[in-house]
């Protein structure tokens, strides 16, 4: 999956999500994460308390355009579920998580 493909797939997923707060993750990927998740597309969501969570979905590197097209609604649903789980966590727990 080339970088352009990743951008296109991310945009297609974002067009289908329910949580408008979800955005593509841009920035430095935490050490080790990139190697352990080669097919991952990374997104983020920020709570009103200021804590940001990284969300991800996996797209197999050997998936063709048709297969990816079929996967888009499922990937969007997976992101929405992750976002909903994050939003259900109280802000005081977000703060504890962000401190390590």
PDB file of N, CA and C in Angstrom:
ATOM      1  N   UNK A   1       0.866  -1.175   0.000  1.00  0.00           N
ATOM      2  CA  UNK A   1       0.000   0.000   0.000  1.00  0.00           C
ATOM      3  C   UNK A   1       0.907   1.231   0.000  1.00  0.00           C
ATOM      4  N   UNK A   2       0.823   2.034  -1.027  1.00  0.00           N
ATOM      5  CA  UNK A   2       1.670   3.226  -1.121  1.00  0.00           C
ATOM      6  C   UNK A   2       1.104   4.333  -0.232  1.00  0.00           C
ATOM      7  N   UNK A   3       1.910   5.371  -0.039  1.00  0.00           N
ATOM      8  CA  UNK A   3       1.469   6.489   0.804  1.00  0.00           C
ATOM      9  C   UNK A   3       0.218   7.153   0.229  1.00  0.00           C
ATOM     10  N   UNK A   4       0.158   7.282  -1.095  1.00  0.00           N
ATOM     11  CA  UNK A   4      -1.025   7.876  -1.723  1.00  0.00           C
ATOM     12  C   UNK A   4      -2.240   6.990  -1.494  1.00  0.00           C
ATOM     13  N   UNK A   5      -2.055   5.683  -1.619  1.00  0.00           N
ATOM     14  CA  UNK A   5      -3.145   4.757  -1.350  1.00  0.00           C
ATOM     15  C   UNK A   5      -3.643   4.923   0.083  1.00  0.00           C
ATOM     16  N   UNK A   6      -2.720   5.043   1.019  1.00  0.00           N
ATOM     17  CA  UNK A   6      -3.071   5.194   2.438  1.00  0.00           C
ATOM     18  C   UNK A   6      -3.922   6.443   2.633  1.00  0.00           C
ATOM     19  N   UNK A   7      -3.533   7.525   1.980  1.00  0.00           N
ATOM     20  CA  UNK A   7      -4.283   8.776   2.107  1.00  0.00           C
ATOM     21  C   UNK A   7      -5.687   8.622   1.519  1.00  0.00           C
ATOM     22  N   UNK A   8      -5.785   8.023   0.351  1.00  0.00           N
ATOM     23  CA  UNK A   8      -7.085   7.812  -0.287  1.00  0.00           C
ATOM     24  C   UNK A   8      -7.990   6.924   0.555  1.00  0.00           C
ATOM     25  N   UNK A   9      -7.430   5.841   1.076  1.00  0.00           N
ATOM     26  CA  UNK A   9      -8.218   4.925   1.900  1.00  0.00           C
ATOM     27  C   UNK A   9      -8.690   5.637   3.158  1.00  0.00           C
ATOM     28  N   UNK A  10      -7.796   6.395   3.792  1.00  0.00           N
ATOM     29  CA  UNK A  10      -8.174   7.148   4.998  1.00  0.00           C
ATOM     30  C   UNK A  10      -9.320   8.108   4.713  1.00  0.00           C
ATOM     31  N   UNK A  11      -9.243   8.802   3.594  1.00  0.00           N
ATOM     32  CA  UNK A  11     -10.304   9.751   3.238  1.00  0.00           C
ATOM     33  C   UNK A  11     -11.633   9.037   2.995  1.00  0.00           C
ATOM     34  N   UNK A  12     -11.568   7.877   2.361  1.00  0.00           N
ATOM     35  CA  UNK A  12     -12.791   7.105   2.112  1.00  0.00           C
ATOM     36  C   UNK A  12     -13.406   6.613   3.418  1.00  0.00           C
ATOM     37  N   UNK A  13     -12.558   6.212   4.362  1.00  0.00           N
ATOM     38  CA  UNK A  13     -13.057   5.776   5.667  1.00  0.00           C
ATOM     39  C   UNK A  13     -13.693   6.953   6.398  1.00  0.00           C
ATOM     40  N   UNK A  14     -13.006   8.087   6.407  1.00  0.00           N
ATOM     41  CA  UNK A  14     -13.524   9.271   7.107  1.00  0.00           C
ATOM     42  C   UNK A  14     -14.869   9.730   6.554  1.00  0.00           C
ATOM     43  N   UNK A  15     -15.100   9.495   5.283  1.00  0.00           N
ATOM     44  CA  UNK A  15     -16.372   9.882   4.672  1.00  0.00           C
ATOM     45  C   UNK A  15     -17.529   9.040   5.201  1.00  0.00           C
ATOM     46  N   UNK A  16     -17.233   7.898   5.813  1.00  0.00           N
ATOM     47  CA  UNK A  16     -18.278   6.976   6.278  1.00  0.00           C
ATOM     48  C   UNK A  16     -18.452   6.925   7.787  1.00  0.00           C
ATOM     49  N   UNK A  17     -17.591   7.587   8.543  1.00  0.00           N
ATOM     50  CA  UNK A  17     -17.671   7.482  10.003  1.00  0.00           C
ATOM     51  C   UNK A  17     -18.795   8.326  10.576  1.00  0.00           C
ATOM     52  N   UNK A  18     -19.227   7.949  11.781  1.00  0.00           N
ATOM     53  CA  UNK A  18     -20.275   8.671  12.489  1.00  0.00           C
ATOM     54  C   UNK A  18     -19.706   9.766  13.387  1.00  0.00           C
ATOM     55  N   UNK A  19     -18.520   9.528  13.952  1.00  0.00           N
ATOM     56  CA  UNK A  19     -17.901  10.485  14.879  1.00  0.00           C
ATOM     57  C   UNK A  19     -17.063  11.484  14.086  1.00  0.00           C
ATOM     58  N   UNK A  20     -17.590  12.665  13.913  1.00  0.00           N
ATOM     59  CA  UNK A  20     -16.890  13.682  13.122  1.00  0.00           C
ATOM     60  C   UNK A  20     -15.595  14.148  13.771  1.00  0.00           C
ATOM     61  N   UNK A  21     -15.411  13.817  15.057  1.00  0.00           N
ATOM     62  CA  UNK A  21     -14.200  14.241  15.761  1.00  0.00           C
ATOM     63  C   UNK A  21     -12.977  13.439  15.334  1.00  0.00           C
ATOM     64  N   UNK A  22     -13.183  12.305  14.676  1.00  0.00           N
ATOM     65  CA  UNK A  22     -12.068  11.470  14.244  1.00  0.00           C
ATOM     66  C   UNK A  22     -11.333  12.158  13.099  1.00  0.00           C
ATOM     67  N   UNK A  23     -10.017  12.213  13.226  1.00  0.00           N
ATOM     68  CA  UNK A  23      -9.175  12.847  12.208  1.00  0.00           C
ATOM     69  C   UNK A  23      -7.998  11.931  11.885  1.00  0.00           C
ATOM     70  N   UNK A  24      -7.406  12.106  10.724  1.00  0.00           N
ATOM     71  CA  UNK A  24      -6.190  11.327  10.432  1.00  0.00           C
ATOM     72  C   UNK A  24      -5.105  11.679  11.445  1.00  0.00           C
ATOM     73  N   UNK A  25      -4.321  10.701  11.828  1.00  0.00           N
ATOM     74  CA  UNK A  25      -3.209  10.945  12.741  1.00  0.00           C
ATOM     75  C   UNK A  25      -2.033  11.429  11.916  1.00  0.00           C
ATOM     76  N   UNK A  26      -1.569  12.612  12.228  1.00  0.00           N
ATOM     77  CA  UNK A  26      -0.396  13.175  11.556  1.00  0.00           C
ATOM     78  C   UNK A  26       0.610  13.492  12.639  1.00  0.00           C
ATOM     79  N   UNK A  27       1.778  13.044  12.444  1.00  0.00           N
ATOM     80  CA  UNK A  27       2.799  13.301  13.447  1.00  0.00           C
ATOM     81  C   UNK A  27       3.677  12.093  13.635  1.00  0.00           C
ATOM     82  N   UNK A  28       4.485  12.161  14.654  1.00  0.00           N
ATOM     83  CA  UNK A  28       5.444  11.102  14.922  1.00  0.00           C
ATOM     84  C   UNK A  28       4.733   9.912  15.557  1.00  0.00           C
ATOM     85  N   UNK A  29       4.960   8.752  14.988  1.00  0.00           N
ATOM     86  CA  UNK A  29       4.379   7.524  15.511  1.00  0.00           C
ATOM     87  C   UNK A  29       5.254   7.063  16.673  1.00  0.00           C
ATOM     88  N   UNK A  30       4.632   6.677  17.789  1.00  0.00           N
ATOM     89  CA  UNK A  30       5.423   6.220  18.939  1.00  0.00           C
ATOM     90  C   UNK A  30       6.385   5.105  18.546  1.00  0.00           C
ATOM     91  N   UNK A  31       7.576   5.082  19.143  1.00  0.00           N
ATOM     92  CA  UNK A  31       8.598   4.087  18.808  1.00  0.00           C
ATOM     93  C   UNK A  31       8.048   2.658  18.872  1.00  0.00           C
ATOM     94  N   UNK A  32       8.389   1.875  17.861  1.00  0.00           N
ATOM     95  CA  UNK A  32       7.987   0.475  17.828  1.00  0.00           C
ATOM     96  C   UNK A  32       6.617   0.217  17.238  1.00  0.00           C
ATOM     97  N   UNK A  33       5.736   1.189  17.298  1.00  0.00           N
ATOM     98  CA  UNK A  33       4.366   0.970  16.835  1.00  0.00           C
ATOM     99  C   UNK A  33       4.316   0.769  15.329  1.00  0.00           C
ATOM    100  N   UNK A  34       5.070   1.537  14.583  1.00  0.00           N
ATOM    101  CA  UNK A  34       5.033   1.438  13.127  1.00  0.00           C
ATOM    102  C   UNK A  34       5.454   0.078  12.609  1.00  0.00           C
ATOM    103  N   UNK A  35       6.454  -0.519  13.241  1.00  0.00           N
ATOM    104  CA  UNK A  35       6.920  -1.828  12.806  1.00  0.00           C
ATOM    105  C   UNK A  35       5.953  -2.937  13.181  1.00  0.00           C
ATOM    106  N   UNK A  36       5.252  -2.772  14.275  1.00  0.00           N
ATOM    107  CA  UNK A  36       4.342  -3.823  14.720  1.00  0.00           C
ATOM    108  C   UNK A  36       3.002  -3.764  13.999  1.00  0.00           C
ATOM    109  N   UNK A  37       2.719  -2.684  13.276  1.00  0.00           N
ATOM    110  CA  UNK A  37       1.439  -2.501  12.607  1.00  0.00           C
ATOM    111  C   UNK A  37       1.650  -1.986  11.185  1.00  0.00           C
ATOM    112  N   UNK A  38       2.287  -2.766  10.301  1.00  0.00           N
ATOM    113  CA  UNK A  38       2.626  -2.245   8.970  1.00  0.00           C
ATOM    114  C   UNK A  38       1.425  -1.864   8.110  1.00  0.00           C
ATOM    115  N   UNK A  39       0.278  -2.510   8.276  1.00  0.00           N
ATOM    116  CA  UNK A  39      -0.899  -2.192   7.476  1.00  0.00           C
ATOM    117  C   UNK A  39      -1.866  -1.257   8.164  1.00  0.00           C
ATOM    118  N   UNK A  40      -1.458  -0.698   9.297  1.00  0.00           N
ATOM    119  CA  UNK A  40      -2.363   0.125  10.086  1.00  0.00           C
ATOM    120  C   UNK A  40      -2.522   1.523   9.493  1.00  0.00           C
ATOM    121  N   UNK A  41      -3.750   1.987   9.496  1.00  0.00           N
ATOM    122  CA  UNK A  41      -4.048   3.385   9.199  1.00  0.00           C
ATOM    123  C   UNK A  41      -4.378   4.020  10.540  1.00  0.00           C
ATOM    124  N   UNK A  42      -3.709   5.103  10.852  1.00  0.00           N
ATOM    125  CA  UNK A  42      -3.842   5.719  12.166  1.00  0.00           C
ATOM    126  C   UNK A  42      -4.718   6.966  12.116  1.00  0.00           C
ATOM    127  N   UNK A  43      -5.544   7.094  13.140  1.00  0.00           N
ATOM    128  CA  UNK A  43      -6.448   8.225  13.293  1.00  0.00           C
ATOM    129  C   UNK A  43      -6.353   8.685  14.732  1.00  0.00           C
ATOM    130  N   UNK A  44      -6.994   9.796  15.036  1.00  0.00           N
ATOM    131  CA  UNK A  44      -7.001  10.282  16.419  1.00  0.00           C
ATOM    132  C   UNK A  44      -8.357  10.876  16.739  1.00  0.00           C
ATOM    133  N   UNK A  45      -8.635  10.931  18.034  1.00  0.00           N
ATOM    134  CA  UNK A  45      -9.822  11.611  18.533  1.00  0.00           C
ATOM    135  C   UNK A  45      -9.396  12.312  19.816  1.00  0.00           C
ATOM    136  N   UNK A  46      -9.869  13.534  20.000  1.00  0.00           N
ATOM    137  CA  UNK A  46      -9.509  14.315  21.175  1.00  0.00           C
ATOM    138  C   UNK A  46     -10.759  14.584  21.998  1.00  0.00           C
ATOM    139  N   UNK A  47     -10.658  14.309  23.290  1.00  0.00           N
ATOM    140  CA  UNK A  47     -11.753  14.569  24.224  1.00  0.00           C
ATOM    141  C   UNK A  47     -11.781  16.059  24.561  1.00  0.00           C
ATOM    142  N   UNK A  48     -12.907  16.529  25.050  1.00  0.00           N
ATOM    143  CA  UNK A  48     -12.996  17.936  25.444  1.00  0.00           C
ATOM    144  C   UNK A  48     -12.057  18.261  26.610  1.00  0.00           C
ATOM    145  N   UNK A  49     -11.557  17.220  27.314  1.00  0.00           N
ATOM    146  CA  UNK A  49     -10.606  17.457  28.405  1.00  0.00           C
ATOM    147  C   UNK A  49      -9.185  17.641  27.876  1.00  0.00           C
ATOM    148  N   UNK A  50      -8.998  17.452  26.566  1.00  0.00           N
ATOM    149  CA  UNK A  50      -7.702  17.697  25.950  1.00  0.00           C
ATOM    150  C   UNK A  50      -6.859  16.468  25.681  1.00  0.00           C
ATOM    151  N   UNK A  51      -7.270  15.311  26.165  1.00  0.00           N
ATOM    152  CA  UNK A  51      -6.510  14.083  25.943  1.00  0.00           C
ATOM    153  C   UNK A  51      -6.857  13.514  24.561  1.00  0.00           C
ATOM    154  N   UNK A  52      -5.835  13.113  23.835  1.00  0.00           N
ATOM    155  CA  UNK A  52      -6.011  12.557  22.499  1.00  0.00           C
ATOM    156  C   UNK A  52      -5.694  11.069  22.517  1.00  0.00           C
ATOM    157  N   UNK A  53      -6.533  10.291  21.847  1.00  0.00           N
ATOM    158  CA  UNK A  53      -6.309   8.853  21.718  1.00  0.00           C
ATOM    159  C   UNK A  53      -5.994   8.527  20.265  1.00  0.00           C
ATOM    160  N   UNK A  54      -5.103   7.568  20.075  1.00  0.00           N
ATOM    161  CA  UNK A  54      -4.801   7.078  18.744  1.00  0.00           C
ATOM    162  C   UNK A  54      -5.726   5.907  18.455  1.00  0.00           C
ATOM    163  N   UNK A  55      -6.334   5.927  17.289  1.00  0.00           N
ATOM    164  CA  UNK A  55      -7.206   4.856  16.821  1.00  0.00           C
ATOM    165  C   UNK A  55      -6.558   4.243  15.595  1.00  0.00           C
ATOM    166  N   UNK A  56      -6.824   2.976  15.338  1.00  0.00           N
ATOM    167  CA  UNK A  56      -6.234   2.371  14.148  1.00  0.00           C
ATOM    168  C   UNK A  56      -7.136   1.292  13.568  1.00  0.00           C
ATOM    169  N   UNK A  57      -6.996   1.109  12.281  1.00  0.00           N
ATOM    170  CA  UNK A  57      -7.617  -0.005  11.574  1.00  0.00           C
ATOM    171  C   UNK A  57      -6.545  -0.604  10.679  1.00  0.00           C
ATOM    172  N   UNK A  58      -6.679  -1.883  10.413  1.00  0.00           N
ATOM    173  CA  UNK A  58      -5.665  -2.585   9.637  1.00  0.00           C
ATOM    174  C   UNK A  58      -6.182  -2.888   8.245  1.00  0.00           C
ATOM    175  N   UNK A  59      -5.390  -2.547   7.254  1.00  0.00           N
ATOM    176  CA  UNK A  59      -5.695  -2.854   5.862  1.00  0.00           C
ATOM    177  C   UNK A  59      -4.583  -3.766   5.357  1.00  0.00           C
ATOM    178  N   UNK A  60      -4.914  -5.006   4.999  1.00  0.00           N
ATOM    179  CA  UNK A  60      -3.875  -5.919   4.521  1.00  0.00           C
ATOM    180  C   UNK A  60      -3.142  -5.331   3.309  1.00  0.00           C
ATOM    181  N   UNK A  61      -1.827  -5.453   3.319  1.00  0.00           N
ATOM    182  CA  UNK A  61      -1.030  -4.862   2.244  1.00  0.00           C
ATOM    183  C   UNK A  61      -1.295  -5.518   0.893  1.00  0.00           C
ATOM    184  N   UNK A  62      -1.803  -6.739   0.908  1.00  0.00           N
ATOM    185  CA  UNK A  62      -2.061  -7.424  -0.360  1.00  0.00           C
ATOM    186  C   UNK A  62      -3.500  -7.255  -0.849  1.00  0.00           C
ATOM    187  N   UNK A  63      -4.299  -6.449  -0.142  1.00  0.00           N
ATOM    188  CA  UNK A  63      -5.694  -6.240  -0.543  1.00  0.00           C
ATOM    189  C   UNK A  63      -5.759  -5.366  -1.789  1.00  0.00           C
ATOM    190  N   UNK A  64      -6.523  -5.814  -2.767  1.00  0.00           N
ATOM    191  CA  UNK A  64      -6.721  -5.039  -3.978  1.00  0.00           C
ATOM    192  C   UNK A  64      -7.770  -3.958  -3.771  1.00  0.00           C
ATOM    193  N   UNK A  65      -7.927  -3.127  -4.790  1.00  0.00           N
ATOM    194  CA  UNK A  65      -8.852  -1.998  -4.695  1.00  0.00           C
ATOM    195  C   UNK A  65     -10.292  -2.452  -4.429  1.00  0.00           C
ATOM    196  N   UNK A  66     -10.733  -3.520  -5.081  1.00  0.00           N
ATOM    197  CA  UNK A  66     -12.098  -4.018  -4.866  1.00  0.00           C
ATOM    198  C   UNK A  66     -12.291  -4.489  -3.432  1.00  0.00           C
ATOM    199  N   UNK A  67     -11.331  -5.234  -2.916  1.00  0.00           N
ATOM    200  CA  UNK A  67     -11.407  -5.749  -1.545  1.00  0.00           C
ATOM    201  C   UNK A  67     -11.414  -4.592  -0.554  1.00  0.00           C
ATOM    202  N   UNK A  68     -10.564  -3.611  -0.785  1.00  0.00           N
ATOM    203  CA  UNK A  68     -10.517  -2.444   0.111  1.00  0.00           C
ATOM    204  C   UNK A  68     -11.855  -1.711   0.068  1.00  0.00           C
ATOM    205  N   UNK A  69     -12.428  -1.571  -1.125  1.00  0.00           N
ATOM    206  CA  UNK A  69     -13.738  -0.930  -1.245  1.00  0.00           C
ATOM    207  C   UNK A  69     -14.797  -1.642  -0.421  1.00  0.00           C
ATOM    208  N   UNK A  70     -14.756  -2.978  -0.410  1.00  0.00           N
ATOM    209  CA  UNK A  70     -15.687  -3.760   0.404  1.00  0.00           C
ATOM    210  C   UNK A  70     -15.430  -3.569   1.893  1.00  0.00           C
ATOM    211  N   UNK A  71     -14.170  -3.345   2.248  1.00  0.00           N
ATOM    212  CA  UNK A  71     -13.783  -3.218   3.658  1.00  0.00           C
ATOM    213  C   UNK A  71     -14.105  -1.854   4.254  1.00  0.00           C
ATOM    214  N   UNK A  72     -14.219  -0.822   3.441  1.00  0.00           N
ATOM    215  CA  UNK A  72     -14.369   0.560   3.934  1.00  0.00           C
ATOM    216  C   UNK A  72     -15.479   0.693   4.983  1.00  0.00           C
ATOM    217  N   UNK A  73     -16.712   0.223   4.729  1.00  0.00           N
ATOM    218  CA  UNK A  73     -17.759   0.378   5.757  1.00  0.00           C
ATOM    219  C   UNK A  73     -17.401  -0.318   7.074  1.00  0.00           C
ATOM    220  N   UNK A  74     -16.750  -1.471   6.994  1.00  0.00           N
ATOM    221  CA  UNK A  74     -16.363  -2.205   8.202  1.00  0.00           C
ATOM    222  C   UNK A  74     -15.244  -1.477   8.952  1.00  0.00           C
ATOM    223  N   UNK A  75     -14.317  -0.902   8.211  1.00  0.00           N
ATOM    224  CA  UNK A  75     -13.236  -0.134   8.832  1.00  0.00           C
ATOM    225  C   UNK A  75     -13.794   1.108   9.518  1.00  0.00           C
ATOM    226  N   UNK A  76     -14.758   1.768   8.870  1.00  0.00           N
ATOM    227  CA  UNK A  76     -15.395   2.947   9.471  1.00  0.00           C
ATOM    228  C   UNK A  76     -16.133   2.559  10.749  1.00  0.00           C
ATOM    229  N   UNK A  77     -16.833   1.435  10.722  1.00  0.00           N
ATOM    230  CA  UNK A  77     -17.533   0.964  11.927  1.00  0.00           C
ATOM    231  C   UNK A  77     -16.545   0.665  13.050  1.00  0.00           C
ATOM    232  N   UNK A  78     -15.409   0.067  12.708  1.00  0.00           N
ATOM    233  CA  UNK A  78     -14.390  -0.235  13.717  1.00  0.00           C
ATOM    234  C   UNK A  78     -13.859   1.047  14.353  1.00  0.00           C
ATOM    235  N   UNK A  79     -13.627   2.061  13.548  1.00  0.00           N
ATOM    236  CA  UNK A  79     -13.167   3.351  14.100  1.00  0.00           C
ATOM    237  C   UNK A  79     -14.229   3.976  14.986  1.00  0.00           C
ATOM    238  N   UNK A  80     -15.474   3.917  14.544  1.00  0.00           N
ATOM    239  CA  UNK A  80     -16.566   4.469  15.358  1.00  0.00           C
ATOM    240  C   UNK A  80     -16.654   3.751  16.707  1.00  0.00           C
ATOM    241  N   UNK A  81     -16.473   2.434  16.713  1.00  0.00           N
ATOM    242  CA  UNK A  81     -16.511   1.683  17.981  1.00  0.00           C
ATOM    243  C   UNK A  81     -15.368   2.103  18.893  1.00  0.00           C
ATOM    244  N   UNK A  82     -14.174   2.252  18.323  1.00  0.00           N
ATOM    245  CA  UNK A  82     -13.027   2.678  19.127  1.00  0.00           C
ATOM    246  C   UNK A  82     -13.264   4.073  19.706  1.00  0.00           C
ATOM    247  N   UNK A  83     -13.800   4.963  18.882  1.00  0.00           N
ATOM    248  CA  UNK A  83     -14.072   6.328  19.342  1.00  0.00           C
ATOM    249  C   UNK A  83     -15.108   6.317  20.456  1.00  0.00           C
ATOM    250  N   UNK A  84     -16.140   5.502  20.307  1.00  0.00           N
ATOM    251  CA  UNK A  84     -17.186   5.422  21.323  1.00  0.00           C
ATOM    252  C   UNK A  84     -16.624   4.879  22.637  1.00  0.00           C
ATOM    253  N   UNK A  85     -15.764   3.886  22.555  1.00  0.00           N
ATOM    254  CA  UNK A  85     -15.135   3.351  23.766  1.00  0.00           C
ATOM    255  C   UNK A  85     -14.313   4.430  24.469  1.00  0.00           C
ATOM    256  N   UNK A  86     -13.563   5.204  23.706  1.00  0.00           N
ATOM    257  CA  UNK A  86     -12.754   6.277  24.284  1.00  0.00           C
ATOM    258  C   UNK A  86     -13.649   7.330  24.929  1.00  0.00           C
ATOM    259  N   UNK A  87     -14.726   7.695  24.263  1.00  0.00           N
ATOM    260  CA  UNK A  87     -15.612   8.741  24.782  1.00  0.00           C
ATOM    261  C   UNK A  87     -16.338   8.300  26.053  1.00  0.00           C
ATOM    262  N   UNK A  88     -16.505   7.001  26.254  1.00  0.00           N
ATOM    263  CA  UNK A  88     -17.170   6.494  27.458  1.00  0.00           C
ATOM    264  C   UNK A  88     -16.265   6.516  28.682  1.00  0.00           C
ATOM    265  N   UNK A  89     -14.973   6.656  28.466  1.00  0.00           N
ATOM    266  CA  UNK A  89     -14.027   6.705  29.580  1.00  0.00           C
ATOM    267  C   UNK A  89     -14.098   8.091  30.206  1.00  0.00           C
ATOM    268  N   UNK A  90     -14.261   8.177  31.527  1.00  0.00           N
ATOM    269  CA  UNK A  90     -14.320   9.491  32.182  1.00  0.00           C
ATOM    270  C   UNK A  90     -13.014  10.274  32.010  1.00  0.00           C
ATOM    271  N   UNK A  91     -13.130  11.579  32.014  1.00  0.00           N
ATOM    272  CA  UNK A  91     -11.959  12.443  31.805  1.00  0.00           C
ATOM    273  C   UNK A  91     -10.861  12.217  32.838  1.00  0.00           C
ATOM    274  N   UNK A  92     -11.218  11.925  34.076  1.00  0.00           N
ATOM    275  CA  UNK A  92     -10.158  11.683  35.086  1.00  0.00           C
ATOM    276  C   UNK A  92      -9.357  10.425  34.718  1.00  0.00           C
ATOM    277  N   UNK A  93     -10.003   9.449  34.116  1.00  0.00           N
ATOM    278  CA  UNK A  93      -9.283   8.249  33.667  1.00  0.00           C
ATOM    279  C   UNK A  93      -8.422   8.594  32.444  1.00  0.00           C
ATOM    280  N   UNK A  94      -8.910   9.460  31.554  1.00  0.00           N
ATOM    281  CA  UNK A  94      -8.084   9.915  30.422  1.00  0.00           C
ATOM    282  C   UNK A  94      -6.790  10.530  30.939  1.00  0.00           C
ATOM    283  N   UNK A  95      -6.914  11.368  31.961  1.00  0.00           N
ATOM    284  CA  UNK A  95      -5.733  12.040  32.508  1.00  0.00           C
ATOM    285  C   UNK A  95      -4.746  11.033  33.064  1.00  0.00           C
ATOM    286  N   UNK A  96      -5.245  10.032  33.772  1.00  0.00           N
ATOM    287  CA  UNK A  96      -4.347   9.004  34.329  1.00  0.00           C
ATOM    288  C   UNK A  96      -3.672   8.222  33.200  1.00  0.00           C
ATOM    289  N   UNK A  97      -4.419   7.923  32.135  1.00  0.00           N
ATOM    290  CA  UNK A  97      -3.852   7.181  31.010  1.00  0.00           C
ATOM    291  C   UNK A  97      -2.764   7.992  30.330  1.00  0.00           C
ATOM    292  N   UNK A  98      -2.959   9.276  30.182  1.00  0.00           N
ATOM    293  CA  UNK A  98      -1.982  10.100  29.469  1.00  0.00           C
ATOM    294  C   UNK A  98      -0.706  10.292  30.260  1.00  0.00           C
ATOM    295  N   UNK A  99      -0.775  10.104  31.583  1.00  0.00           N
ATOM    296  CA  UNK A  99       0.422  10.230  32.416  1.00  0.00           C
ATOM    297  C   UNK A  99       1.220   8.942  32.481  1.00  0.00           C
ATOM    298  N   UNK A 100       0.621   7.859  32.014  1.00  0.00           N
ATOM    299  CA  UNK A 100       1.338   6.577  32.020  1.00  0.00           C
ATOM    300  C   UNK A 100       1.022   5.734  33.137  1.00  0.00           C
TER     301      UNK A 100
END
